[in-house]
């Protein structure tokens, strides 16, 4: 599904093309806004299993964490607050804060720069094709969580796991002292 991992501008442009230019981008944007006002997302329902456990583990081991998303920053912050996990992140960067969105590496490079960490000693946890490509383009090791719904191509990831529970076990088995204490 081509919209996954795309910023809002890219989403509206794709929808414009998919709808055979029948509606203007402004009309598509307005319909999207109205839809989500009437049908707000319940972020707790769609939160992936083991998110809190992995965040607690990373915080306990002083691993720096960031959210690097194609979503608008207000949406990211609302999702993290609703899921009661905002306090686990050291930095949040949205694609509207960088020149180019995923698959360009800008969001990941900005996070590394802000956190003062090496991209070579970092990990990206992703599920979208665009996000995986962005992580690889930033020279960061990419962990993919298997996508069971949208058929995302995850072949370029360095590691592919069924869920975050497996990622947590992977991190527990690692000697984390070898890393700059960071995960994006």
N, C-alpha and C. Protein backbone atom coordinates (compact mmCIF):
# COMPACT_ATOMS: atom_id res chain seq x y z
N UNK A 1 0.85 -1.17 0.00
CA UNK A 1 0.00 0.00 0.00
C UNK A 1 0.89 1.22 0.00
N UNK A 2 0.76 2.06 -1.00
CA UNK A 2 1.72 3.13 -1.24
C UNK A 2 1.65 4.29 -0.25
N UNK A 3 0.57 4.42 0.51
CA UNK A 3 0.44 5.55 1.43
C UNK A 3 1.19 5.34 2.74
N UNK A 4 1.49 4.10 3.09
CA UNK A 4 2.14 3.79 4.35
C UNK A 4 3.54 4.40 4.37
N UNK A 5 3.82 5.18 5.43
CA UNK A 5 5.13 5.80 5.58
C UNK A 5 5.29 7.09 4.78
N UNK A 6 4.20 7.58 4.19
CA UNK A 6 4.25 8.81 3.40
C UNK A 6 3.78 9.98 4.25
N UNK A 7 4.40 11.16 4.07
CA UNK A 7 3.94 12.33 4.80
C UNK A 7 2.60 12.80 4.23
N UNK A 8 1.98 13.79 4.89
CA UNK A 8 0.64 14.21 4.49
C UNK A 8 0.62 14.78 3.08
N UNK A 9 1.59 15.57 2.72
CA UNK A 9 1.64 16.13 1.37
C UNK A 9 1.72 15.01 0.33
N UNK A 10 2.58 14.05 0.59
CA UNK A 10 2.70 12.91 -0.32
C UNK A 10 1.42 12.09 -0.38
N UNK A 11 0.76 11.93 0.76
CA UNK A 11 -0.50 11.20 0.81
C UNK A 11 -1.55 11.88 -0.05
N UNK A 12 -1.68 13.19 0.11
CA UNK A 12 -2.68 13.93 -0.67
C UNK A 12 -2.37 13.87 -2.16
N UNK A 13 -1.10 13.96 -2.51
CA UNK A 13 -0.72 13.87 -3.93
C UNK A 13 -1.02 12.49 -4.51
N UNK A 14 -0.73 11.43 -3.73
CA UNK A 14 -1.04 10.08 -4.19
C UNK A 14 -2.55 9.87 -4.36
N UNK A 15 -3.32 10.37 -3.38
CA UNK A 15 -4.78 10.24 -3.48
C UNK A 15 -5.32 11.01 -4.68
N UNK A 16 -4.75 12.16 -4.94
CA UNK A 16 -5.14 12.98 -6.09
C UNK A 16 -4.97 12.17 -7.38
N UNK A 17 -3.84 11.49 -7.51
CA UNK A 17 -3.58 10.66 -8.69
C UNK A 17 -4.48 9.42 -8.70
N UNK A 18 -4.62 8.77 -7.54
CA UNK A 18 -5.44 7.56 -7.46
C UNK A 18 -6.91 7.83 -7.78
N UNK A 19 -7.36 9.06 -7.48
CA UNK A 19 -8.75 9.45 -7.75
C UNK A 19 -8.89 10.11 -9.12
N UNK A 20 -7.88 9.88 -9.96
CA UNK A 20 -7.88 10.39 -11.34
C UNK A 20 -8.11 11.90 -11.43
N UNK A 21 -7.55 12.62 -10.46
CA UNK A 21 -7.60 14.09 -10.44
C UNK A 21 -9.03 14.63 -10.44
N UNK A 22 -9.96 13.81 -9.94
CA UNK A 22 -11.37 14.18 -9.88
C UNK A 22 -11.63 15.26 -8.83
N UNK A 23 -10.82 15.26 -7.77
CA UNK A 23 -10.95 16.23 -6.69
C UNK A 23 -9.64 16.99 -6.57
N UNK A 24 -9.72 18.24 -6.10
CA UNK A 24 -8.49 19.00 -5.88
C UNK A 24 -7.81 18.49 -4.63
N UNK A 25 -6.55 18.78 -4.50
CA UNK A 25 -5.82 18.39 -3.29
C UNK A 25 -6.44 19.05 -2.07
N UNK A 26 -6.88 20.29 -2.20
CA UNK A 26 -7.55 20.99 -1.08
C UNK A 26 -8.82 20.25 -0.66
N UNK A 27 -9.59 19.76 -1.62
CA UNK A 27 -10.81 19.01 -1.30
C UNK A 27 -10.48 17.70 -0.60
N UNK A 28 -9.46 17.03 -1.07
CA UNK A 28 -9.03 15.77 -0.44
C UNK A 28 -8.57 16.03 0.99
N UNK A 29 -7.78 17.08 1.17
CA UNK A 29 -7.29 17.45 2.50
C UNK A 29 -8.45 17.76 3.44
N UNK A 30 -9.44 18.50 2.97
CA UNK A 30 -10.60 18.86 3.79
C UNK A 30 -11.43 17.63 4.16
N UNK A 31 -11.64 16.73 3.20
CA UNK A 31 -12.38 15.49 3.49
C UNK A 31 -11.64 14.64 4.51
N UNK A 32 -10.33 14.58 4.40
CA UNK A 32 -9.50 13.84 5.35
C UNK A 32 -9.64 14.44 6.75
N UNK A 33 -9.56 15.75 6.83
CA UNK A 33 -9.69 16.45 8.12
C UNK A 33 -11.06 16.15 8.75
N UNK A 34 -12.11 16.28 7.96
CA UNK A 34 -13.47 16.03 8.46
C UNK A 34 -13.63 14.58 8.91
N UNK A 35 -13.11 13.65 8.13
CA UNK A 35 -13.23 12.24 8.47
C UNK A 35 -12.61 11.95 9.84
N UNK A 36 -11.40 12.46 10.06
CA UNK A 36 -10.73 12.15 11.32
C UNK A 36 -11.28 12.93 12.51
N UNK A 37 -11.97 14.04 12.24
CA UNK A 37 -12.70 14.72 13.32
C UNK A 37 -13.89 13.87 13.76
N UNK A 38 -14.56 13.26 12.80
CA UNK A 38 -15.72 12.41 13.09
C UNK A 38 -15.34 11.01 13.56
N UNK A 39 -14.16 10.55 13.17
CA UNK A 39 -13.70 9.20 13.50
C UNK A 39 -12.27 9.26 14.06
N UNK A 40 -12.12 9.80 15.26
CA UNK A 40 -10.75 9.91 15.80
C UNK A 40 -10.11 8.53 16.01
N UNK A 41 -8.82 8.50 15.84
CA UNK A 41 -8.07 7.25 16.00
C UNK A 41 -7.90 6.95 17.49
N UNK A 42 -8.18 5.72 17.88
CA UNK A 42 -7.92 5.27 19.25
C UNK A 42 -6.53 4.63 19.23
N UNK A 43 -5.54 5.43 19.58
CA UNK A 43 -4.15 4.98 19.47
C UNK A 43 -3.84 3.80 20.38
N UNK A 44 -4.50 3.72 21.54
CA UNK A 44 -4.25 2.60 22.44
C UNK A 44 -4.64 1.27 21.80
N UNK A 45 -5.69 1.29 20.98
CA UNK A 45 -6.16 0.07 20.33
C UNK A 45 -5.16 -0.42 19.28
N UNK A 46 -4.50 0.52 18.60
CA UNK A 46 -3.58 0.11 17.52
C UNK A 46 -2.11 0.06 17.96
N UNK A 47 -1.86 0.34 19.24
CA UNK A 47 -0.49 0.25 19.76
C UNK A 47 0.00 -1.18 19.64
N UNK A 48 1.17 -1.34 19.07
CA UNK A 48 1.73 -2.69 18.88
C UNK A 48 2.08 -3.31 20.23
N UNK A 49 1.87 -4.63 20.36
CA UNK A 49 2.25 -5.32 21.59
C UNK A 49 3.75 -5.15 21.88
N UNK A 50 4.08 -5.07 23.16
CA UNK A 50 5.44 -4.99 23.69
C UNK A 50 6.08 -3.60 23.54
N UNK A 51 5.34 -2.60 23.09
CA UNK A 51 5.92 -1.25 22.97
C UNK A 51 6.39 -0.76 24.33
N UNK A 52 5.51 -0.80 25.32
CA UNK A 52 5.88 -0.27 26.63
C UNK A 52 7.04 -1.07 27.24
N UNK A 53 7.02 -2.37 27.08
CA UNK A 53 8.09 -3.21 27.65
C UNK A 53 9.44 -2.86 27.03
N UNK A 54 9.48 -2.68 25.74
CA UNK A 54 10.76 -2.37 25.09
C UNK A 54 11.22 -0.98 25.49
N UNK A 55 10.29 -0.03 25.62
CA UNK A 55 10.66 1.33 26.04
C UNK A 55 11.19 1.35 27.47
N UNK A 56 10.56 0.59 28.36
CA UNK A 56 11.03 0.50 29.75
C UNK A 56 12.44 -0.08 29.76
N UNK A 57 12.67 -1.14 28.99
CA UNK A 57 14.00 -1.76 28.92
C UNK A 57 15.04 -0.76 28.42
N UNK A 58 14.74 -0.06 27.34
CA UNK A 58 15.70 0.90 26.77
C UNK A 58 15.99 2.03 27.75
N UNK A 59 14.97 2.52 28.42
CA UNK A 59 15.15 3.61 29.40
C UNK A 59 16.02 3.11 30.56
N UNK A 60 15.75 1.91 31.04
CA UNK A 60 16.52 1.32 32.15
C UNK A 60 18.00 1.22 31.79
N UNK A 61 18.30 0.94 30.52
CA UNK A 61 19.68 0.80 30.08
C UNK A 61 20.25 2.09 29.49
N UNK A 62 19.54 3.19 29.72
CA UNK A 62 19.99 4.52 29.29
C UNK A 62 20.23 4.61 27.78
N UNK A 63 19.39 3.90 27.03
CA UNK A 63 19.44 3.95 25.57
C UNK A 63 18.60 5.15 25.13
N UNK A 64 19.18 6.04 24.36
CA UNK A 64 18.44 7.21 23.87
C UNK A 64 17.46 6.76 22.79
N UNK A 65 16.27 7.34 22.83
CA UNK A 65 15.24 6.96 21.87
C UNK A 65 14.62 8.19 21.22
N UNK A 66 14.17 8.00 19.99
CA UNK A 66 13.50 9.07 19.25
C UNK A 66 12.38 8.47 18.41
N UNK A 67 11.37 9.28 18.17
CA UNK A 67 10.34 8.94 17.19
C UNK A 67 10.67 9.75 15.95
N UNK A 68 10.80 9.07 14.83
CA UNK A 68 11.10 9.71 13.54
C UNK A 68 9.99 9.30 12.59
N UNK A 69 9.03 10.19 12.39
CA UNK A 69 7.81 9.80 11.69
C UNK A 69 7.46 10.71 10.52
N UNK A 70 6.73 10.16 9.59
CA UNK A 70 6.20 10.94 8.47
C UNK A 70 4.91 11.65 8.85
N UNK A 71 4.35 11.32 10.00
CA UNK A 71 3.12 11.98 10.46
C UNK A 71 3.41 13.38 10.97
N UNK A 72 2.38 14.25 10.99
CA UNK A 72 2.57 15.58 11.57
C UNK A 72 2.94 15.47 13.06
N UNK A 73 3.74 16.41 13.54
CA UNK A 73 4.23 16.35 14.93
C UNK A 73 3.08 16.34 15.94
N UNK A 74 2.03 17.12 15.69
CA UNK A 74 0.88 17.12 16.61
C UNK A 74 0.26 15.73 16.71
N UNK A 75 0.19 15.03 15.60
CA UNK A 75 -0.37 13.68 15.59
C UNK A 75 0.52 12.72 16.37
N UNK A 76 1.82 12.83 16.17
CA UNK A 76 2.78 11.98 16.89
C UNK A 76 2.63 12.19 18.39
N UNK A 77 2.66 13.46 18.82
CA UNK A 77 2.59 13.76 20.25
C UNK A 77 1.27 13.29 20.85
N UNK A 78 0.16 13.46 20.14
CA UNK A 78 -1.13 12.98 20.64
C UNK A 78 -1.12 11.46 20.81
N UNK A 79 -0.59 10.76 19.82
CA UNK A 79 -0.54 9.30 19.89
C UNK A 79 0.30 8.84 21.08
N UNK A 80 1.45 9.47 21.27
CA UNK A 80 2.34 9.07 22.38
C UNK A 80 1.71 9.40 23.73
N UNK A 81 1.05 10.55 23.83
CA UNK A 81 0.36 10.91 25.09
C UNK A 81 -0.79 9.96 25.36
N UNK A 82 -1.62 9.71 24.34
CA UNK A 82 -2.76 8.81 24.52
C UNK A 82 -2.32 7.42 24.96
N UNK A 83 -1.18 6.98 24.48
CA UNK A 83 -0.66 5.64 24.82
C UNK A 83 0.20 5.66 26.09
N UNK A 84 0.35 6.85 26.67
CA UNK A 84 1.12 7.03 27.91
C UNK A 84 2.56 6.57 27.78
N UNK A 85 3.19 6.94 26.65
CA UNK A 85 4.59 6.57 26.43
C UNK A 85 5.46 7.76 26.02
N UNK A 86 4.91 8.94 26.01
CA UNK A 86 5.66 10.13 25.59
C UNK A 86 6.94 10.31 26.38
N UNK A 87 6.88 10.07 27.69
CA UNK A 87 8.03 10.31 28.56
C UNK A 87 9.22 9.39 28.27
N UNK A 88 9.02 8.36 27.50
CA UNK A 88 10.11 7.43 27.19
C UNK A 88 10.99 7.90 26.04
N UNK A 89 10.58 8.95 25.35
CA UNK A 89 11.33 9.41 24.18
C UNK A 89 12.12 10.67 24.48
N UNK A 90 13.36 10.68 24.00
CA UNK A 90 14.25 11.82 24.19
C UNK A 90 14.07 12.88 23.12
N UNK A 91 13.48 12.48 21.99
CA UNK A 91 13.36 13.42 20.86
C UNK A 91 12.26 12.92 19.93
N UNK A 92 11.57 13.87 19.32
CA UNK A 92 10.56 13.57 18.31
C UNK A 92 10.85 14.43 17.10
N UNK A 93 10.89 13.80 15.94
CA UNK A 93 11.06 14.57 14.70
C UNK A 93 10.05 14.07 13.67
N UNK A 94 9.40 15.04 13.04
CA UNK A 94 8.42 14.76 12.01
C UNK A 94 8.98 15.14 10.66
N UNK A 95 8.48 14.51 9.62
CA UNK A 95 8.98 14.83 8.28
C UNK A 95 8.66 16.26 7.88
N UNK A 96 7.69 16.92 8.56
CA UNK A 96 7.45 18.32 8.23
C UNK A 96 8.50 19.24 8.84
N UNK A 97 9.46 18.67 9.58
CA UNK A 97 10.54 19.46 10.16
C UNK A 97 11.85 19.31 9.39
N UNK A 98 11.83 18.54 8.33
CA UNK A 98 13.03 18.33 7.51
C UNK A 98 12.71 18.64 6.05
N UNK A 99 13.76 18.78 5.25
CA UNK A 99 13.55 19.15 3.84
C UNK A 99 12.85 18.07 3.04
N UNK A 100 13.27 16.81 3.25
CA UNK A 100 12.70 15.70 2.47
C UNK A 100 12.24 14.60 3.41
N UNK A 101 11.09 14.01 3.09
CA UNK A 101 10.54 12.95 3.93
C UNK A 101 11.08 11.58 3.50
N UNK A 102 10.73 10.57 4.28
CA UNK A 102 11.14 9.20 3.96
C UNK A 102 10.71 8.88 2.53
N UNK A 103 11.53 8.18 1.77
CA UNK A 103 12.70 7.38 2.11
C UNK A 103 14.00 8.16 2.23
N UNK A 104 13.96 9.48 2.11
CA UNK A 104 15.14 10.29 2.37
C UNK A 104 15.51 10.11 3.85
N UNK A 105 16.78 10.11 4.20
CA UNK A 105 17.19 9.82 5.58
C UNK A 105 17.10 11.00 6.55
N UNK A 106 16.61 12.15 6.11
CA UNK A 106 16.69 13.37 6.92
C UNK A 106 16.16 13.23 8.35
N UNK A 107 15.00 12.56 8.54
CA UNK A 107 14.45 12.46 9.90
C UNK A 107 15.40 11.70 10.82
N UNK A 108 16.02 10.64 10.30
CA UNK A 108 16.94 9.85 11.13
C UNK A 108 18.24 10.59 11.39
N UNK A 109 18.75 11.27 10.39
CA UNK A 109 19.99 12.03 10.57
C UNK A 109 19.78 13.18 11.55
N UNK A 110 18.61 13.82 11.49
CA UNK A 110 18.32 14.91 12.43
C UNK A 110 18.25 14.37 13.86
N UNK A 111 17.65 13.21 14.05
CA UNK A 111 17.58 12.61 15.38
C UNK A 111 18.97 12.26 15.90
N UNK A 112 19.80 11.67 15.07
CA UNK A 112 21.18 11.34 15.48
C UNK A 112 21.93 12.60 15.88
N UNK A 113 21.78 13.65 15.09
CA UNK A 113 22.46 14.91 15.38
C UNK A 113 21.98 15.49 16.71
N UNK A 114 20.66 15.53 16.91
CA UNK A 114 20.11 16.09 18.14
C UNK A 114 20.55 15.28 19.36
N UNK A 115 20.52 13.96 19.24
CA UNK A 115 20.87 13.09 20.37
C UNK A 115 22.37 12.92 20.55
N UNK A 116 23.14 13.47 19.58
CA UNK A 116 24.60 13.37 19.61
C UNK A 116 25.04 11.90 19.66
N UNK A 117 24.49 11.12 18.73
CA UNK A 117 24.83 9.71 18.64
C UNK A 117 25.27 9.37 17.22
N UNK A 118 26.02 8.32 17.10
CA UNK A 118 26.52 7.86 15.81
C UNK A 118 25.44 7.03 15.11
N UNK A 119 25.23 7.29 13.84
CA UNK A 119 24.25 6.48 13.10
C UNK A 119 24.73 5.03 12.98
N UNK A 120 26.03 4.82 12.92
CA UNK A 120 26.55 3.45 12.80
C UNK A 120 26.27 2.61 14.04
N UNK A 121 26.09 3.25 15.19
CA UNK A 121 25.83 2.53 16.44
C UNK A 121 24.37 2.61 16.86
N UNK A 122 23.50 2.95 15.93
CA UNK A 122 22.08 3.10 16.22
C UNK A 122 21.26 2.02 15.53
N UNK A 123 20.02 1.92 15.94
CA UNK A 123 19.05 1.04 15.30
C UNK A 123 17.81 1.84 14.95
N UNK A 124 17.19 1.47 13.85
CA UNK A 124 15.88 1.98 13.47
C UNK A 124 14.93 0.80 13.56
N UNK A 125 13.78 1.00 14.18
CA UNK A 125 12.74 -0.02 14.21
C UNK A 125 11.62 0.49 13.31
N UNK A 126 11.31 -0.26 12.28
CA UNK A 126 10.38 0.18 11.24
C UNK A 126 9.44 -0.94 10.82
N UNK A 127 8.38 -0.54 10.13
CA UNK A 127 7.52 -1.55 9.50
C UNK A 127 7.21 -1.20 8.05
N UNK A 128 7.47 0.04 7.64
CA UNK A 128 7.14 0.45 6.27
C UNK A 128 8.35 0.38 5.34
N UNK A 129 8.08 0.16 4.07
CA UNK A 129 9.13 0.13 3.06
C UNK A 129 9.89 1.45 3.04
N UNK A 130 9.16 2.57 3.05
CA UNK A 130 9.79 3.89 3.02
C UNK A 130 10.68 4.12 4.25
N UNK A 131 10.20 3.70 5.41
CA UNK A 131 10.98 3.86 6.63
C UNK A 131 12.24 3.02 6.63
N UNK A 132 12.12 1.79 6.14
CA UNK A 132 13.29 0.91 6.04
C UNK A 132 14.32 1.52 5.10
N UNK A 133 13.86 2.01 3.95
CA UNK A 133 14.78 2.65 3.00
C UNK A 133 15.42 3.89 3.62
N UNK A 134 14.66 4.67 4.37
CA UNK A 134 15.22 5.87 5.02
C UNK A 134 16.31 5.49 6.01
N UNK A 135 16.06 4.45 6.81
CA UNK A 135 17.07 3.98 7.76
C UNK A 135 18.33 3.52 7.06
N UNK A 136 18.17 2.73 6.00
CA UNK A 136 19.34 2.26 5.24
C UNK A 136 20.07 3.43 4.60
N UNK A 137 19.31 4.41 4.07
CA UNK A 137 19.93 5.59 3.46
C UNK A 137 20.69 6.44 4.47
N UNK A 138 20.35 6.29 5.75
CA UNK A 138 21.05 6.99 6.82
C UNK A 138 22.21 6.17 7.37
N UNK A 139 22.47 5.00 6.79
CA UNK A 139 23.52 4.09 7.27
C UNK A 139 23.28 3.65 8.71
N UNK A 140 22.03 3.36 9.02
CA UNK A 140 21.64 2.87 10.33
C UNK A 140 21.13 1.44 10.16
N UNK A 141 21.46 0.58 11.13
CA UNK A 141 20.95 -0.79 11.10
C UNK A 141 19.42 -0.75 11.28
N UNK A 142 18.72 -1.48 10.43
CA UNK A 142 17.26 -1.44 10.44
C UNK A 142 16.67 -2.76 10.92
N UNK A 143 15.81 -2.65 11.91
CA UNK A 143 15.02 -3.77 12.41
C UNK A 143 13.61 -3.57 11.88
N UNK A 144 13.10 -4.57 11.17
CA UNK A 144 11.73 -4.50 10.66
C UNK A 144 10.83 -5.39 11.50
N UNK A 145 9.65 -4.86 11.80
CA UNK A 145 8.60 -5.66 12.43
C UNK A 145 7.71 -6.13 11.29
N UNK A 146 7.52 -7.44 11.18
CA UNK A 146 6.75 -7.99 10.05
C UNK A 146 5.40 -7.29 9.91
N UNK A 147 5.11 -6.90 8.69
CA UNK A 147 3.85 -6.26 8.36
C UNK A 147 2.86 -7.33 7.94
N UNK A 148 1.80 -7.46 8.71
CA UNK A 148 0.82 -8.51 8.45
C UNK A 148 -0.41 -8.00 7.71
N UNK A 149 -0.47 -6.68 7.43
CA UNK A 149 -1.69 -6.11 6.88
C UNK A 149 -1.53 -5.46 5.51
N UNK A 150 -0.42 -4.79 5.26
CA UNK A 150 -0.32 -3.94 4.08
C UNK A 150 0.69 -4.41 3.04
N UNK A 151 1.33 -5.55 3.25
CA UNK A 151 2.24 -6.10 2.26
C UNK A 151 3.46 -5.24 1.98
N UNK A 152 4.02 -4.65 3.02
CA UNK A 152 5.20 -3.81 2.85
C UNK A 152 6.43 -4.67 2.52
N UNK A 153 7.25 -4.19 1.60
CA UNK A 153 8.50 -4.88 1.24
C UNK A 153 9.54 -4.55 2.31
N UNK A 154 9.95 -5.54 3.05
CA UNK A 154 10.89 -5.34 4.15
C UNK A 154 12.24 -6.01 3.89
N UNK A 155 12.48 -6.41 2.66
CA UNK A 155 13.68 -7.18 2.31
C UNK A 155 14.98 -6.44 2.59
N UNK A 156 14.98 -5.12 2.58
CA UNK A 156 16.21 -4.36 2.79
C UNK A 156 16.59 -4.21 4.26
N UNK A 157 15.72 -4.63 5.17
CA UNK A 157 16.02 -4.53 6.60
C UNK A 157 17.18 -5.46 6.96
N UNK A 158 17.95 -5.06 7.97
CA UNK A 158 19.04 -5.90 8.46
C UNK A 158 18.51 -7.08 9.27
N UNK A 159 17.42 -6.85 9.99
CA UNK A 159 16.80 -7.88 10.83
C UNK A 159 15.29 -7.77 10.62
N UNK A 160 14.61 -8.90 10.60
CA UNK A 160 13.15 -8.91 10.52
C UNK A 160 12.63 -9.79 11.65
N UNK A 161 11.75 -9.21 12.47
CA UNK A 161 11.18 -9.93 13.61
C UNK A 161 9.66 -9.95 13.50
N UNK A 162 9.06 -10.94 14.13
CA UNK A 162 7.60 -11.07 14.14
C UNK A 162 6.94 -9.92 14.88
N UNK A 163 7.53 -9.53 16.02
CA UNK A 163 6.93 -8.48 16.83
C UNK A 163 8.00 -7.83 17.71
N UNK A 164 7.59 -6.84 18.47
CA UNK A 164 8.53 -6.13 19.34
C UNK A 164 9.00 -7.00 20.51
N UNK A 165 8.25 -8.04 20.85
CA UNK A 165 8.70 -8.97 21.87
C UNK A 165 10.00 -9.65 21.45
N UNK A 166 10.09 -10.02 20.18
CA UNK A 166 11.33 -10.61 19.65
C UNK A 166 12.45 -9.57 19.61
N UNK A 167 12.11 -8.33 19.32
CA UNK A 167 13.12 -7.26 19.32
C UNK A 167 13.65 -7.07 20.74
N UNK A 168 12.76 -7.09 21.72
CA UNK A 168 13.17 -6.96 23.12
C UNK A 168 14.14 -8.08 23.49
N UNK A 169 13.85 -9.30 23.10
CA UNK A 169 14.76 -10.42 23.38
C UNK A 169 16.10 -10.22 22.68
N UNK A 170 16.07 -9.72 21.46
CA UNK A 170 17.29 -9.42 20.70
C UNK A 170 18.14 -8.40 21.45
N UNK A 171 17.51 -7.33 21.94
CA UNK A 171 18.25 -6.31 22.69
C UNK A 171 18.80 -6.87 24.00
N UNK A 172 18.03 -7.72 24.66
CA UNK A 172 18.49 -8.31 25.92
C UNK A 172 19.72 -9.18 25.71
N UNK A 173 19.80 -9.84 24.56
CA UNK A 173 20.94 -10.71 24.26
C UNK A 173 22.18 -9.94 23.83
N UNK A 174 21.99 -8.69 23.43
CA UNK A 174 23.13 -7.88 22.98
C UNK A 174 23.90 -7.34 24.17
N UNK A 175 25.16 -7.07 23.93
CA UNK A 175 25.95 -6.36 24.92
C UNK A 175 25.78 -4.87 24.63
N UNK A 176 24.83 -4.25 25.29
CA UNK A 176 24.47 -2.87 24.98
C UNK A 176 25.56 -1.86 25.30
N UNK A 177 26.54 -2.25 26.07
CA UNK A 177 27.62 -1.30 26.39
C UNK A 177 28.46 -0.98 25.16
N UNK A 178 28.36 -1.79 24.11
CA UNK A 178 29.12 -1.52 22.88
C UNK A 178 28.49 -0.43 22.03
N UNK A 179 27.31 0.00 22.40
CA UNK A 179 26.59 0.97 21.60
C UNK A 179 26.59 2.33 22.27
N UNK A 180 26.36 3.34 21.46
CA UNK A 180 26.30 4.71 21.95
C UNK A 180 25.00 4.97 22.70
N UNK A 181 24.37 3.94 23.11
CA UNK A 181 23.13 4.05 23.87
C UNK A 181 22.06 4.78 23.07
N UNK A 182 21.74 4.27 21.90
CA UNK A 182 20.71 4.94 21.12
C UNK A 182 19.91 4.00 20.24
N UNK A 183 18.66 4.35 20.09
CA UNK A 183 17.74 3.63 19.22
C UNK A 183 16.73 4.64 18.70
N UNK A 184 16.46 4.59 17.41
CA UNK A 184 15.55 5.57 16.82
C UNK A 184 14.23 4.92 16.44
